[in-house]
Amino acid sequence: MRKSRGEIIKDIAIIVLILTFVSLFLGNFQIAWVEGTSMAPTLNERQILLIQKTYTNVSTSDIIVFQLGNNLCIKRVIAIEGDLVELRNHCVYINEAIIRGVSYEGRDCNYPLEEGEYFVLGDNYLNSLDSRVYGPIKSDQIIGVVLGA
């Protein structure tokens, strides 16, 4: 059974109030909105996200929010410290394994990820500015991990 527009708005308002309460009173969470399509189809434009700001570690396949200049970015972690990322022959390799369907434009380069470094990609590989362009990100840039994605 489909919900009416009024019921959907009411549900959204309740979710926003609950998330705001959690964010303000616990301080461990933050609300973010998706802008753009670089994480489609996993995350949709204008989707509301709950970010856990206190986390113990970041793992491969986590979706994170991080600061890049004056912008907040949302991407998926595909390589962590200790991994070797290679961009060669227009393909992306992690520890010698090719990431199928992911390409890049530009010069060949290697990123041996050091402690506290992460390589991130948007799920919408063809429409994402990510570590293929700006290189690895550092742990001090990370705001938090997206919950429930």
Foldseek 3Di string as FASTA:
>chain_A
DDDDPVVVVVVVVVVVVVLVCCCVPVVQKDKDADDDDLQPPVHDHRDIWIFGQDDDDADAQFWFWFDDPPDIDTWGFHDAAQWKWWQPPQFIDINNHTDPPAGADDDIDMDRHHHQWTFTGHPNRVPTDGCSNVNIDGNVGTRGTTPPD
